[in-house]
Amino acid sequence: MRDTELGWFKSSYSGTSGDNCVEVVVTEQAVRVRDSKDMERPHLAVDRQGWAQFVRYAAHG
């Protein structure tokens, strides 16, 4: 599936001014993350367990 066909959404922590945006999409295989200002750059993809570990780590500083 091409990136343009995925249901990317902006992080709730992204600013309202349109800059510094991170977009995320969850698929069956992975959680994918990209910089909305540079969509030509490859996105980061991690499995769901890896994403859950990252979120727990980020939440605790």
C-alpha atoms as a PDB file:
ATOM      1  CA  MET A   1       0.000   0.000   0.000  1.00  0.00           C
ATOM      2  CA  ARG A   2       1.332   3.458  -0.914  1.00  0.00           C
ATOM      3  CA  ASP A   3       1.798   6.178   1.728  1.00  0.00           C
ATOM      4  CA  THR A   4      -0.857   8.332   0.063  1.00  0.00           C
ATOM      5  CA  GLU A   5      -3.422   5.557   0.579  1.00  0.00           C
ATOM      6  CA  LEU A   6      -2.799   5.255   4.309  1.00  0.00           C
ATOM      7  CA  GLY A   7      -4.905   7.161   6.866  1.00  0.00           C
ATOM      8  CA  TRP A   8      -2.175   9.399   8.317  1.00  0.00           C
ATOM      9  CA  PHE A   9      -3.187  11.689  11.187  1.00  0.00           C
ATOM     10  CA  LYS A  10      -1.317  14.445  12.997  1.00  0.00           C
ATOM     11  CA  SER A  11      -0.178  14.013  16.555  1.00  0.00           C
ATOM     12  CA  SER A  12      -2.368  15.753  19.104  1.00  0.00           C
ATOM     13  CA  TYR A  13       0.849  17.389  20.343  1.00  0.00           C
ATOM     14  CA  SER A  14       1.568  19.037  16.978  1.00  0.00           C
ATOM     15  CA  GLY A  15       1.165  22.789  16.972  1.00  0.00           C
ATOM     16  CA  THR A  16      -1.821  24.529  15.387  1.00  0.00           C
ATOM     17  CA  SER A  17       0.426  26.785  13.294  1.00  0.00           C
ATOM     18  CA  GLY A  18       1.188  23.904  10.914  1.00  0.00           C
ATOM     19  CA  ASP A  19       4.861  23.466  11.743  1.00  0.00           C
ATOM     20  CA  ASN A  20       6.666  20.749  13.695  1.00  0.00           C
ATOM     21  CA  CYS A  21       4.030  18.155  12.820  1.00  0.00           C
ATOM     22  CA  VAL A  22       4.410  14.453  13.308  1.00  0.00           C
ATOM     23  CA  GLU A  23       1.970  12.171  11.509  1.00  0.00           C
ATOM     24  CA  VAL A  24       1.154   8.605  12.483  1.00  0.00           C
ATOM     25  CA  VAL A  25      -0.698   5.720  10.897  1.00  0.00           C
ATOM     26  CA  VAL A  26      -1.403   2.321  12.448  1.00  0.00           C
ATOM     27  CA  THR A  27      -1.480  -0.686  10.130  1.00  0.00           C
ATOM     28  CA  GLU A  28      -1.775  -4.380  10.870  1.00  0.00           C
ATOM     29  CA  GLN A  29       1.972  -4.799  10.507  1.00  0.00           C
ATOM     30  CA  ALA A  30       3.355  -1.655  12.146  1.00  0.00           C
ATOM     31  CA  VAL A  31       2.949   1.839  13.496  1.00  0.00           C
ATOM     32  CA  ARG A  32       4.420   4.305  11.003  1.00  0.00           C
ATOM     33  CA  VAL A  33       5.627   7.814  11.824  1.00  0.00           C
ATOM     34  CA  ARG A  34       6.644  10.619   9.459  1.00  0.00           C
ATOM     35  CA  ASP A  35       7.506  14.305   9.406  1.00  0.00           C
ATOM     36  CA  SER A  36       4.681  16.122   7.618  1.00  0.00           C
ATOM     37  CA  LYS A  37       7.116  18.767   6.335  1.00  0.00           C
ATOM     38  CA  ASP A  38       9.272  16.163   4.542  1.00  0.00           C
ATOM     39  CA  MET A  39       7.010  13.458   3.147  1.00  0.00           C
ATOM     40  CA  GLU A  40       9.604  12.377   0.571  1.00  0.00           C
ATOM     41  CA  ARG A  41      11.840  11.088   3.352  1.00  0.00           C
ATOM     42  CA  PRO A  42      11.159   7.472   4.335  1.00  0.00           C
ATOM     43  CA  HIS A  43       8.950   7.056   7.381  1.00  0.00           C
ATOM     44  CA  LEU A  44       9.839   5.196  10.555  1.00  0.00           C
ATOM     45  CA  ALA A  45       8.033   1.889  11.050  1.00  0.00           C
ATOM     46  CA  VAL A  46       8.023  -0.115  14.270  1.00  0.00           C
ATOM     47  CA  ASP A  47       5.982  -3.083  15.379  1.00  0.00           C
ATOM     48  CA  ARG A  48       3.113  -2.449  17.774  1.00  0.00           C
ATOM     49  CA  GLN A  49       5.035  -3.769  20.776  1.00  0.00           C
ATOM     50  CA  GLY A  50       7.966  -1.477  20.018  1.00  0.00           C
ATOM     51  CA  TRP A  51       5.600   1.481  19.663  1.00  0.00           C
ATOM     52  CA  ALA A  52       3.933   0.696  22.994  1.00  0.00           C
ATOM     53  CA  GLN A  53       7.354   0.581  24.676  1.00  0.00           C
ATOM     54  CA  PHE A  54       8.289   3.939  23.108  1.00  0.00           C
ATOM     55  CA  VAL A  55       5.045   5.576  24.265  1.00  0.00           C
ATOM     56  CA  ARG A  56       5.516   4.272  27.823  1.00  0.00           C
ATOM     57  CA  TYR A  57       9.095   5.573  27.851  1.00  0.00           C
ATOM     58  CA  ALA A  58       8.094   8.984  26.449  1.00  0.00           C
ATOM     59  CA  ALA A  59       5.246   9.334  28.963  1.00  0.00           C
ATOM     60  CA  HIS A  60       7.641   8.901  31.871  1.00  0.00           C
ATOM     61  CA  GLY A  61      10.245  11.361  30.568  1.00  0.00           C
END
